[in-house]
Amino acid sequence: MKDAYLTILIIIGLLFSVSLQSIAFTSRYIVNDDVRAALFVIPKFNDPSLFQNDILADHALAGIGSTKAVQLLYSTLDKFIDFILITKILPIILFLVSLIFFYLTSKQLFKKETAFISSILFTLFSWSLQLFSGGLSRSFFLPLLIIFLYFFLKDKDIPTLTTIIISSFLYPPSTLIMLLTYSLTFVNKNLIQNIKNKKFIYLLITALLSVLIISNLSVQKSKEIGSFYSFKEVIQMEEFQVAGKIPVLNGIVSIIKPYNTGIKASLTKNPIIVLILLSIISMFIQTSSKLNKKLKIFALSGLILYFLSFILLFKIYIPIRYLLPVYLFLIFFISSRINKFNFDLKKLILISLLLFLIFVPHLRRDLTICQDQDIYNFISTLPKDSLIAGYPKDLDCIPLFSQRSVLINDELNIPFAKNYYEKIKVRLIDLFSAYYSDKETDIKELCKEYNLTHILVNKERFSNNSLNKELIYYNPFDKLIKERKNNDFILPKLENKSVFTSKSQFILSC
């Protein structure tokens, strides 16, 4: 390559991403936690007999966790290579694509040396591969945004609008940001004049196509899943309060909750806080910091959608995603303050290494170890129409690694879609009522009610250590469990009837 800075960046990016993902390659059972919820259905594309009459699978297939296009990609590749391995390789590829285009975008704004520094900042503060981890739909978010920005700043209308259409297949929230950014450029200029411009026609066609794709192809409409809860309904639900599964309504506390804002208390672990502080510091540097107006519109679009997403809660996804344009803007702003300084390539490499030594130990890997391999192997030998119940968190890895249906697990206890969650809520109530019962008849009734074939029992769930926790499980189910915590639990006493035992867990046949 002619550009030495880009060559070095690719090497750094490769080492960085591989190092963060390296532990995942040591075992098939180390995966991103959301893979367990969004991609466990991939084998069903090639084996339709799996996960039949399974509402959890229907939820995943609806495209809520990963769009239909991403599912098609995985199901196609799964014919040639294990899709679980792909979930570990794809993040590295997408990160490198993001890094390359970020550097090329920065080169449009600054000199090469500054573009290099800007790219290092991007590498260190790209949410520690959190967004890339697992190769889910969200993994395409940053690459799509940066590719869009690259063409948008170049005034390349056709590639820009093509990127918007592609994003509607892969990750709809990115489409909203791009469409709003592109649209606001018309408002920023002479609106009447622009309406007569061919760009307006291009935008209109792109917007219509994107809406059609998102509404018909990206996410599957289903009566079983239903529409999302309204804001009026959400504010009345314990599931969204401080001790709920998705705590988006914690009052003042929500400001520092990562699920809502992406902001954490630890500076070294939080990109937004660090970049804000660096931006403030950079303001004291006596130099010009004029940034392209399009970048400001890009950041403004993210902020508008961020606040709008609270009002339209879940209808345009969760708020945190819309902070990404702000995050990118802050990097560009910091870069603009240092653009007039002269840097030596060797010094830049040394500075990069120092920054990596400071921040890399604190970076999030977002990987989960599924430890009960003996359990998964046994369950995978059961008939394909088996249905397993158990404590939700103990069942998280079973659909992915055993390819068998579960009554409910923690990963798919998702209170977004109304029809879906109303069924899940009833299942959780019935499950906990039986799981922590002192009567064997309650177990039999649970098996009969849901046509269960097996129950996974974890004896640790009945220990004092587990039952004396401040929060045993998320509200509103925590109260139900605590009402039964003094019961003479029947399930641990049935180990002698088990069909399989492993460590502190055993499996009962219904």
Protein backbone atom coordinates (compact mmCIF):
# COMPACT_ATOMS: atom_id res chain seq x y z
CA MET A 1 0.00 0.00 0.00
CA LYS A 2 1.14 3.54 -0.83
CA ASP A 3 -0.39 4.97 2.35
CA ALA A 4 1.89 3.87 5.23
CA TYR A 5 -0.53 5.23 7.82
CA LEU A 6 -3.37 3.08 6.49
CA THR A 7 -1.11 0.01 6.39
CA ILE A 8 -0.11 0.49 10.04
CA LEU A 9 -3.73 1.12 11.03
CA ILE A 10 -4.86 -2.14 9.42
CA ILE A 11 -2.14 -4.05 11.31
CA ILE A 12 -3.09 -2.33 14.59
CA GLY A 13 -6.80 -2.90 13.97
CA LEU A 14 -6.25 -6.56 13.18
CA LEU A 15 -4.16 -7.12 16.33
CA PHE A 16 -6.67 -5.16 18.40
CA SER A 17 -9.79 -6.95 17.21
CA VAL A 18 -8.23 -10.41 17.21
CA SER A 19 -6.87 -9.91 20.75
CA LEU A 20 -10.31 -8.95 22.02
CA GLN A 21 -11.91 -11.91 20.25
CA SER A 22 -9.10 -14.42 20.85
CA ILE A 23 -10.71 -16.10 23.86
CA ALA A 24 -13.82 -16.82 21.78
CA PHE A 25 -11.76 -18.99 19.41
CA THR A 26 -10.54 -21.22 22.25
CA SER A 27 -13.93 -22.89 22.61
CA ARG A 28 -17.12 -23.25 20.59
CA TYR A 29 -18.99 -22.56 23.81
CA ILE A 30 -17.69 -19.01 24.26
CA VAL A 31 -20.05 -16.65 22.42
CA ASN A 32 -21.56 -13.21 22.57
CA ASP A 33 -24.54 -13.42 24.93
CA ASP A 34 -27.03 -11.97 22.40
CA VAL A 35 -26.14 -14.66 19.86
CA ARG A 36 -28.01 -17.02 22.17
CA ALA A 37 -31.20 -15.00 21.68
CA ALA A 38 -30.96 -13.82 18.08
CA LEU A 39 -29.17 -16.53 16.09
CA PHE A 40 -30.01 -19.87 17.73
CA VAL A 41 -32.68 -20.36 15.01
CA ILE A 42 -30.16 -20.41 12.14
CA PRO A 43 -30.06 -24.26 11.95
CA LYS A 44 -33.83 -24.19 11.37
CA PHE A 45 -33.31 -22.69 7.90
CA ASN A 46 -31.58 -25.91 6.84
CA ASP A 47 -33.61 -28.23 9.10
CA PRO A 48 -37.27 -27.06 9.31
CA SER A 49 -38.11 -29.81 11.81
CA LEU A 50 -36.30 -27.83 14.55
CA PHE A 51 -38.11 -25.40 16.88
CA GLN A 52 -41.60 -26.16 15.62
CA ASN A 53 -44.51 -24.37 17.35
CA ASP A 54 -41.93 -22.44 19.36
CA ILE A 55 -42.85 -18.84 20.17
CA LEU A 56 -39.25 -18.06 21.21
CA ALA A 57 -38.05 -19.16 17.77
CA ASP A 58 -40.85 -17.14 16.13
CA HIS A 59 -39.64 -14.08 18.04
CA ALA A 60 -36.07 -14.59 16.83
CA LEU A 61 -37.22 -15.28 13.25
CA ALA A 62 -39.27 -12.08 13.26
CA GLY A 63 -36.02 -10.16 12.88
CA ILE A 64 -36.12 -8.27 16.17
CA GLY A 65 -32.65 -9.42 17.25
CA SER A 66 -31.20 -9.88 13.76
CA THR A 67 -32.91 -8.82 10.56
CA LYS A 68 -34.08 -11.24 7.91
CA ALA A 69 -31.12 -10.31 5.69
CA VAL A 70 -28.61 -11.16 8.42
CA GLN A 71 -30.42 -14.43 9.10
CA LEU A 72 -30.27 -15.27 5.39
CA LEU A 73 -26.53 -14.52 5.37
CA TYR A 74 -25.89 -16.87 8.30
CA SER A 75 -28.16 -19.64 7.04
CA THR A 76 -26.40 -19.57 3.66
CA LEU A 77 -22.91 -19.62 5.17
CA ASP A 78 -23.97 -22.31 7.68
CA LYS A 79 -24.11 -24.78 4.79
CA PHE A 80 -20.33 -24.48 4.45
CA ILE A 81 -19.05 -23.41 7.89
CA ASP A 82 -20.38 -23.54 11.45
CA PHE A 83 -22.43 -20.35 11.92
CA ILE A 84 -21.19 -20.03 15.53
CA LEU A 85 -17.65 -19.66 14.17
CA ILE A 86 -18.94 -16.99 11.77
CA THR A 87 -20.29 -14.98 14.73
CA LYS A 88 -16.69 -14.75 15.94
CA ILE A 89 -15.01 -14.00 12.60
CA LEU A 90 -17.49 -11.45 11.25
CA PRO A 91 -16.90 -8.88 14.05
CA ILE A 92 -13.21 -8.73 13.12
CA ILE A 93 -14.01 -8.18 9.44
CA LEU A 94 -16.62 -5.52 10.16
CA PHE A 95 -14.33 -3.72 12.58
CA LEU A 96 -11.53 -3.57 9.99
CA VAL A 97 -13.96 -2.29 7.34
CA SER A 98 -15.10 0.41 9.80
CA LEU A 99 -11.53 1.39 10.63
CA ILE A 100 -10.45 1.66 6.97
CA PHE A 101 -13.44 3.81 6.00
CA PHE A 102 -13.06 5.91 9.13
CA TYR A 103 -9.47 6.71 8.16
CA LEU A 104 -10.49 7.49 4.57
CA THR A 105 -13.26 9.74 5.88
CA SER A 106 -10.85 11.50 8.24
CA LYS A 107 -8.45 12.08 5.32
CA GLN A 108 -11.18 14.15 3.65
CA LEU A 109 -11.15 16.47 6.67
CA PHE A 110 -7.58 16.45 7.95
CA LYS A 111 -4.01 15.69 6.96
CA LYS A 112 -2.81 12.06 7.06
CA GLU A 113 -1.17 12.33 10.49
CA THR A 114 -4.33 13.71 12.07
CA ALA A 115 -6.45 11.11 10.28
CA PHE A 116 -4.21 8.45 11.82
CA ILE A 117 -4.69 9.87 15.34
CA SER A 118 -8.42 10.16 14.72
CA SER A 119 -8.53 6.50 13.69
CA ILE A 120 -6.62 5.44 16.82
CA LEU A 121 -9.20 7.28 18.93
CA PHE A 122 -11.92 5.47 17.00
CA THR A 123 -10.22 2.13 17.65
CA LEU A 124 -9.90 2.73 21.38
CA PHE A 125 -13.37 4.12 21.88
CA SER A 126 -15.48 2.07 19.50
CA TRP A 127 -17.40 0.62 22.39
CA SER A 128 -14.74 -2.04 22.78
CA LEU A 129 -16.16 -4.10 19.96
CA GLN A 130 -19.44 -4.30 21.88
CA LEU A 131 -21.43 -3.28 18.85
CA PHE A 132 -19.46 -5.66 16.61
CA SER A 133 -19.47 -8.63 19.00
CA GLY A 134 -21.53 -11.59 17.87
CA GLY A 135 -21.89 -10.52 14.25
CA LEU A 136 -25.51 -9.51 14.86
CA SER A 137 -27.49 -6.89 12.94
CA ARG A 138 -26.11 -4.20 15.24
CA SER A 139 -22.61 -5.27 14.14
CA PHE A 140 -23.29 -3.62 10.79
CA PHE A 141 -24.27 -0.31 12.43
CA LEU A 142 -20.89 1.42 12.64
CA PRO A 143 -19.60 0.17 9.25
CA LEU A 144 -22.79 1.37 7.55
CA LEU A 145 -22.70 4.77 9.28
CA ILE A 146 -19.06 5.37 8.42
CA ILE A 147 -19.42 4.22 4.79
CA PHE A 148 -22.43 6.53 4.50
CA LEU A 149 -20.42 9.40 5.99
CA TYR A 150 -17.53 8.75 3.61
CA PHE A 151 -19.72 9.07 0.50
CA PHE A 152 -21.92 11.79 2.04
CA LEU A 153 -18.93 14.07 2.62
CA LYS A 154 -17.74 13.40 -0.93
CA ASP A 155 -21.16 14.43 -2.32
CA LYS A 156 -21.46 11.04 -4.02
CA ASP A 157 -25.25 10.80 -4.12
CA ILE A 158 -25.73 7.38 -5.69
CA PRO A 159 -23.31 5.50 -3.33
CA THR A 160 -24.71 7.47 -0.38
CA LEU A 161 -28.30 6.55 -1.13
CA THR A 162 -27.34 2.98 -2.00
CA THR A 163 -25.78 2.67 1.47
CA ILE A 164 -29.05 3.88 2.98
CA ILE A 165 -31.04 1.21 1.11
CA ILE A 166 -28.56 -1.53 2.09
CA SER A 167 -28.77 -0.42 5.72
CA SER A 168 -32.56 -0.89 5.68
CA PHE A 169 -31.95 -4.59 5.06
CA LEU A 170 -29.22 -4.97 7.66
CA TYR A 171 -29.97 -2.55 10.52
CA PRO A 172 -33.00 -0.18 10.30
CA PRO A 173 -31.93 2.30 13.07
CA SER A 174 -28.93 3.25 10.92
CA THR A 175 -31.33 3.95 8.05
CA LEU A 176 -33.22 6.49 10.17
CA ILE A 177 -30.00 8.34 11.03
CA MET A 178 -28.87 8.43 7.40
CA LEU A 179 -32.25 9.52 6.03
CA LEU A 180 -32.60 12.28 8.61
CA THR A 181 -29.03 13.47 7.99
CA TYR A 182 -29.50 13.56 4.24
CA SER A 183 -32.91 15.25 4.58
CA LEU A 184 -31.66 17.97 6.94
CA THR A 185 -29.11 19.03 4.32
CA PHE A 186 -32.09 20.27 2.29
CA VAL A 187 -33.44 22.24 5.23
CA ASN A 188 -30.00 23.72 5.79
CA LYS A 189 -30.03 25.19 2.27
CA ASN A 190 -32.75 26.74 0.14
CA LEU A 191 -35.61 24.28 0.56
CA ILE A 192 -37.66 25.40 -2.46
CA GLN A 193 -34.63 25.28 -4.71
CA ASN A 194 -33.66 21.82 -3.50
CA ILE A 195 -37.11 20.38 -4.08
CA LYS A 196 -36.60 21.08 -7.77
CA ASN A 197 -33.19 19.39 -7.56
CA LYS A 198 -32.74 15.77 -8.73
CA LYS A 199 -31.26 15.03 -5.29
CA PHE A 200 -34.72 15.47 -3.81
CA ILE A 201 -36.10 12.85 -6.20
CA TYR A 202 -33.28 10.48 -5.24
CA LEU A 203 -33.99 11.06 -1.56
CA LEU A 204 -37.72 10.49 -1.99
CA ILE A 205 -37.17 7.20 -3.84
CA THR A 206 -34.60 6.06 -1.24
CA ALA A 207 -36.91 6.92 1.65
CA LEU A 208 -39.85 5.03 0.11
CA LEU A 209 -37.70 1.99 -0.70
CA SER A 210 -36.22 1.98 2.81
CA VAL A 211 -39.65 2.14 4.45
CA LEU A 212 -40.92 -0.71 2.26
CA ILE A 213 -37.85 -2.84 3.01
CA ILE A 214 -37.95 -2.23 6.76
CA SER A 215 -41.70 -2.83 7.05
CA ASN A 216 -41.84 -5.92 4.83
CA LEU A 217 -38.43 -7.55 4.66
CA SER A 218 -36.23 -6.54 7.61
CA VAL A 219 -38.75 -7.36 10.33
CA GLN A 220 -41.48 -9.96 9.90
CA LYS A 221 -44.99 -8.98 10.96
CA SER A 222 -46.60 -11.57 13.20
CA LYS A 223 -49.78 -11.68 15.28
CA GLU A 224 -47.97 -14.02 17.68
CA ILE A 225 -45.34 -11.35 18.34
CA GLY A 226 -47.63 -8.33 18.12
CA SER A 227 -46.83 -4.62 18.18
CA PHE A 228 -44.50 -2.96 20.68
CA TYR A 229 -45.77 -1.61 23.98
CA SER A 230 -46.70 2.08 23.98
CA PHE A 231 -44.91 4.59 26.20
CA LYS A 232 -48.09 4.88 28.28
CA GLU A 233 -47.99 1.12 28.91
CA VAL A 234 -44.24 1.01 29.53
CA ILE A 235 -44.27 3.56 32.36
CA GLN A 236 -46.70 1.36 34.29
CA MET A 237 -44.67 -1.86 33.97
CA GLU A 238 -42.21 -3.11 36.60
CA GLU A 239 -40.15 -4.72 33.83
CA PHE A 240 -38.83 -1.27 32.89
CA GLN A 241 -38.15 0.02 36.40
CA VAL A 242 -34.92 -0.13 38.38
CA ALA A 243 -35.10 -3.87 39.20
CA GLY A 244 -36.73 -4.92 35.93
CA LYS A 245 -35.28 -6.75 32.95
CA ILE A 246 -34.95 -3.57 30.85
CA PRO A 247 -34.52 -0.69 33.32
CA VAL A 248 -35.23 2.26 31.02
CA LEU A 249 -37.37 4.14 33.55
CA ASN A 250 -35.13 4.69 36.55
CA GLY A 251 -35.81 8.39 36.88
CA ILE A 252 -32.60 10.34 37.42
CA VAL A 253 -30.67 7.08 37.67
CA SER A 254 -31.46 6.35 34.01
CA ILE A 255 -29.00 9.03 32.99
CA ILE A 256 -26.09 6.82 34.02
CA LYS A 257 -27.58 3.49 32.96
CA PRO A 258 -25.78 1.93 29.99
CA TYR A 259 -28.95 0.43 28.51
CA ASN A 260 -30.41 3.86 28.09
CA THR A 261 -27.49 6.07 27.33
CA GLY A 262 -24.36 4.03 26.89
CA ILE A 263 -22.85 5.93 29.81
CA LYS A 264 -21.06 4.15 32.63
CA ALA A 265 -19.40 5.39 35.75
CA SER A 266 -15.90 4.17 34.92
CA LEU A 267 -14.10 6.65 32.66
CA THR A 268 -11.75 4.10 31.13
CA LYS A 269 -14.68 1.93 30.11
CA ASN A 270 -16.93 4.62 28.70
CA PRO A 271 -16.32 6.17 25.31
CA ILE A 272 -18.85 8.98 25.51
CA ILE A 273 -17.62 10.37 28.84
CA VAL A 274 -13.95 10.10 27.82
CA LEU A 275 -14.56 11.78 24.49
CA ILE A 276 -16.57 14.59 26.08
CA LEU A 277 -13.72 15.24 28.52
CA LEU A 278 -11.16 15.14 25.69
CA SER A 279 -13.35 17.53 23.69
CA ILE A 280 -13.47 19.99 26.60
CA ILE A 281 -9.70 19.79 27.04
CA SER A 282 -9.16 20.25 23.31
CA MET A 283 -11.13 23.52 23.40
CA PHE A 284 -8.23 25.10 25.24
CA ILE A 285 -5.91 24.34 22.34
CA GLN A 286 -5.47 27.61 20.44
CA THR A 287 -6.22 26.58 16.90
CA SER A 288 -9.02 26.63 14.38
CA SER A 289 -11.64 23.89 14.64
CA LYS A 290 -13.97 24.50 11.72
CA LEU A 291 -15.78 21.27 10.92
CA ASN A 292 -17.78 20.34 7.86
CA LYS A 293 -21.45 21.39 8.32
CA LYS A 294 -22.50 17.93 7.22
CA LEU A 295 -20.78 16.45 10.29
CA LYS A 296 -22.78 18.79 12.53
CA ILE A 297 -26.01 17.75 10.79
CA PHE A 298 -24.98 14.11 11.22
CA ALA A 299 -24.50 14.57 14.98
CA LEU A 300 -27.73 16.59 15.26
CA SER A 301 -29.66 13.77 13.55
CA GLY A 302 -28.38 11.32 16.14
CA LEU A 303 -29.42 13.60 19.01
CA ILE A 304 -32.89 14.18 17.54
CA LEU A 305 -33.48 10.44 17.16
CA TYR A 306 -31.99 9.78 20.61
CA PHE A 307 -34.58 11.95 22.34
CA LEU A 308 -37.33 10.89 19.93
CA SER A 309 -36.64 7.24 20.77
CA PHE A 310 -37.61 7.90 24.40
CA ILE A 311 -40.94 9.39 23.29
CA LEU A 312 -41.55 6.56 20.79
CA LEU A 313 -40.04 3.96 23.12
CA PHE A 314 -39.10 0.75 21.29
CA LYS A 315 -40.89 1.77 18.07
CA ILE A 316 -37.58 3.06 16.67
CA TYR A 317 -35.45 0.88 18.94
CA ILE A 318 -33.61 1.73 22.17
CA PRO A 319 -32.08 5.20 22.67
CA ILE A 320 -28.42 4.23 23.12
CA ARG A 321 -27.88 3.37 19.45
CA TYR A 322 -28.61 6.90 18.32
CA LEU A 323 -25.66 8.33 20.25
CA LEU A 324 -23.21 6.85 17.76
CA PRO A 325 -23.23 9.88 15.43
CA VAL A 326 -22.45 12.08 18.46
CA TYR A 327 -19.64 9.72 19.40
CA LEU A 328 -18.13 9.94 15.88
CA PHE A 329 -18.57 13.72 15.82
CA LEU A 330 -16.64 14.08 19.09
CA ILE A 331 -13.71 12.16 17.61
CA PHE A 332 -13.72 14.43 14.57
CA PHE A 333 -13.97 17.52 16.80
CA ILE A 334 -10.95 16.47 18.88
CA SER A 335 -9.06 15.73 15.67
CA SER A 336 -9.88 19.19 14.29
CA ARG A 337 -8.23 20.81 17.32
CA ILE A 338 -4.94 19.02 16.80
CA ASN A 339 -4.87 19.14 12.99
CA LYS A 340 -2.34 22.00 12.79
CA PHE A 341 0.22 20.24 14.94
CA ASN A 342 3.07 18.34 13.29
CA PHE A 343 3.49 14.66 14.13
CA ASP A 344 6.17 12.18 13.33
CA LEU A 345 5.08 8.66 12.30
CA LYS A 346 7.34 6.99 14.90
CA LYS A 347 5.98 9.26 17.64
CA LEU A 348 2.44 8.49 16.57
CA ILE A 349 3.09 4.75 16.83
CA LEU A 350 4.57 5.19 20.32
CA ILE A 351 1.60 7.30 21.41
CA SER A 352 -0.75 4.65 20.01
CA LEU A 353 0.99 1.89 21.94
CA LEU A 354 0.80 3.94 25.13
CA LEU A 355 -2.92 4.55 24.67
CA PHE A 356 -3.50 0.87 24.03
CA LEU A 357 -1.63 -0.09 27.20
CA ILE A 358 -3.83 2.31 29.19
CA PHE A 359 -7.21 1.43 27.73
CA VAL A 360 -7.11 -2.11 26.30
CA PRO A 361 -7.12 -3.88 29.73
CA HIS A 362 -10.42 -2.16 30.46
CA LEU A 363 -12.15 -2.91 27.18
CA ARG A 364 -15.33 -4.98 27.18
CA ARG A 365 -15.34 -8.24 25.27
CA ASP A 366 -19.05 -9.05 25.68
CA LEU A 367 -18.46 -12.78 25.63
CA THR A 368 -20.23 -15.46 27.63
CA ILE A 369 -18.96 -18.92 28.54
CA CYS A 370 -21.61 -21.62 28.28
CA GLN A 371 -20.21 -24.04 30.82
CA ASP A 372 -22.68 -26.94 30.97
CA GLN A 373 -21.47 -28.82 27.91
CA ASP A 374 -22.49 -32.24 29.24
CA ILE A 375 -26.04 -30.96 29.65
CA TYR A 376 -26.10 -29.51 26.12
CA ASN A 377 -24.75 -32.73 24.62
CA PHE A 378 -27.36 -34.87 26.39
CA ILE A 379 -30.27 -32.59 25.45
CA SER A 380 -29.13 -32.60 21.81
CA THR A 381 -29.76 -36.39 21.78
CA LEU A 382 -33.41 -35.92 22.76
CA PRO A 383 -36.17 -35.94 20.09
CA LYS A 384 -36.39 -32.72 18.08
CA ASP A 385 -39.86 -31.95 19.43
CA SER A 386 -38.63 -31.94 23.05
CA LEU A 387 -39.53 -28.99 25.25
CA ILE A 388 -37.40 -28.26 28.32
CA ALA A 389 -38.25 -26.09 31.33
CA GLY A 390 -35.98 -24.84 34.09
CA TYR A 391 -34.68 -21.72 35.78
CA PRO A 392 -34.50 -19.18 32.88
CA LYS A 393 -30.79 -18.36 33.17
CA ASP A 394 -29.89 -22.07 33.19
CA LEU A 395 -31.54 -22.50 29.78
CA ASP A 396 -29.88 -19.60 27.93
CA CYS A 397 -27.40 -21.74 26.00
CA ILE A 398 -29.61 -24.76 25.29
CA PRO A 399 -31.38 -23.58 22.10
CA LEU A 400 -28.03 -22.54 20.59
CA PHE A 401 -25.93 -25.57 21.49
CA SER A 402 -28.58 -28.30 21.85
CA GLN A 403 -31.00 -27.05 19.17
CA ARG A 404 -33.97 -27.92 21.30
CA SER A 405 -36.88 -25.76 22.43
CA VAL A 406 -37.18 -24.35 25.94
CA LEU A 407 -40.25 -23.03 27.72
CA ILE A 408 -38.49 -19.72 28.40
CA ASN A 409 -34.94 -18.57 29.07
CA ASP A 410 -33.52 -15.31 30.35
CA GLU A 411 -32.16 -14.15 26.99
CA LEU A 412 -35.61 -14.35 25.40
CA ASN A 413 -37.45 -12.80 28.33
CA ILE A 414 -37.78 -9.62 26.26
CA PRO A 415 -40.69 -7.31 27.17
CA PHE A 416 -40.88 -5.28 23.94
CA ALA A 417 -43.56 -6.94 21.80
CA LYS A 418 -46.95 -7.04 23.50
CA ASN A 419 -48.51 -10.31 22.33
CA TYR A 420 -45.22 -12.14 22.75
CA TYR A 421 -44.45 -10.88 26.24
CA GLU A 422 -47.95 -11.45 27.59
CA LYS A 423 -47.42 -15.16 26.86
CA ILE A 424 -43.89 -15.09 28.27
CA LYS A 425 -45.07 -13.43 31.46
CA VAL A 426 -47.66 -16.15 32.07
CA ARG A 427 -45.01 -18.80 31.42
CA LEU A 428 -42.64 -17.22 33.95
CA ILE A 429 -45.33 -17.02 36.61
CA ASP A 430 -46.32 -20.66 36.06
CA LEU A 431 -42.68 -21.76 35.93
CA PHE A 432 -41.55 -20.09 39.16
CA SER A 433 -44.73 -21.19 40.96
CA ALA A 434 -43.91 -24.82 40.17
CA TYR A 435 -40.10 -24.60 40.32
CA TYR A 436 -40.16 -23.31 43.92
CA SER A 437 -43.13 -25.43 44.99
CA ASP A 438 -43.21 -28.00 47.79
CA LYS A 439 -45.67 -30.20 45.89
CA GLU A 440 -44.82 -32.70 43.17
CA THR A 441 -48.34 -32.26 41.75
CA ASP A 442 -47.40 -28.67 40.77
CA ILE A 443 -44.54 -30.05 38.70
CA LYS A 444 -46.83 -32.53 36.97
CA GLU A 445 -49.39 -29.78 36.25
CA LEU A 446 -46.68 -27.59 34.70
CA CYS A 447 -45.58 -30.49 32.47
CA LYS A 448 -49.17 -31.14 31.40
CA GLU A 449 -50.05 -27.46 30.83
CA TYR A 450 -47.14 -26.84 28.43
CA ASN A 451 -46.55 -30.36 27.09
CA LEU A 452 -43.07 -30.35 28.60
CA THR A 453 -40.83 -33.34 28.02
CA HIS A 454 -38.08 -32.50 30.54
CA ILE A 455 -37.19 -30.20 33.42
CA LEU A 456 -33.63 -29.05 34.13
CA VAL A 457 -33.06 -28.67 37.88
CA ASN A 458 -30.19 -26.65 39.30
CA LYS A 459 -29.76 -27.39 43.00
CA GLU A 460 -27.80 -24.15 43.48
CA ARG A 461 -31.02 -22.21 42.81
CA PHE A 462 -32.42 -23.55 46.09
CA SER A 463 -29.41 -22.67 48.24
CA ASN A 464 -29.47 -19.93 50.90
CA ASN A 465 -26.83 -18.07 48.93
CA SER A 466 -29.16 -17.86 45.93
CA LEU A 467 -32.42 -17.25 47.79
CA ASN A 468 -31.05 -14.55 50.08
CA LYS A 469 -29.98 -12.27 47.26
CA GLU A 470 -31.54 -8.83 47.23
CA LEU A 471 -32.85 -9.62 43.76
CA ILE A 472 -33.35 -13.34 42.98
CA TYR A 473 -34.84 -12.62 39.56
CA TYR A 474 -36.10 -9.52 37.78
CA ASN A 475 -39.30 -7.83 38.86
CA PRO A 476 -42.20 -8.50 38.83
CA PHE A 477 -41.22 -12.16 39.44
CA ASP A 478 -38.83 -11.61 42.31
CA LYS A 479 -41.69 -11.15 44.78
CA LEU A 480 -43.31 -14.41 43.65
CA ILE A 481 -40.07 -16.36 44.30
CA LYS A 482 -39.51 -14.74 47.70
CA GLU A 483 -43.01 -15.72 48.78
CA ARG A 484 -41.91 -19.34 48.28
CA LYS A 485 -38.31 -19.16 49.54
CA ASN A 486 -39.17 -20.88 52.83
CA ASN A 487 -40.90 -23.80 51.13
CA ASP A 488 -39.65 -27.35 51.55
CA PHE A 489 -38.78 -27.52 47.85
CA ILE A 490 -39.72 -30.70 46.08
CA LEU A 491 -37.53 -30.49 42.96
CA PRO A 492 -34.11 -31.07 44.66
CA LYS A 493 -35.58 -34.20 46.27
CA LEU A 494 -36.37 -35.76 42.89
CA GLU A 495 -32.75 -36.25 41.83
CA ASN A 496 -33.12 -40.02 42.23
CA LYS A 497 -35.65 -39.91 39.34
CA SER A 498 -33.32 -38.03 37.02
CA VAL A 499 -32.46 -39.25 33.53
CA PHE A 500 -29.20 -37.32 33.48
CA THR A 501 -26.97 -35.73 36.13
CA SER A 502 -24.07 -33.30 35.76
CA LYS A 503 -22.41 -31.50 38.69
CA SER A 504 -25.12 -29.60 40.57
CA GLN A 505 -27.73 -30.07 37.84
CA PHE A 506 -29.96 -32.93 36.76
CA ILE A 507 -32.69 -33.53 34.21
CA LEU A 508 -36.13 -34.96 35.00
CA SER A 509 -38.37 -36.55 32.44
CA CYS A 510 -42.00 -35.42 32.48
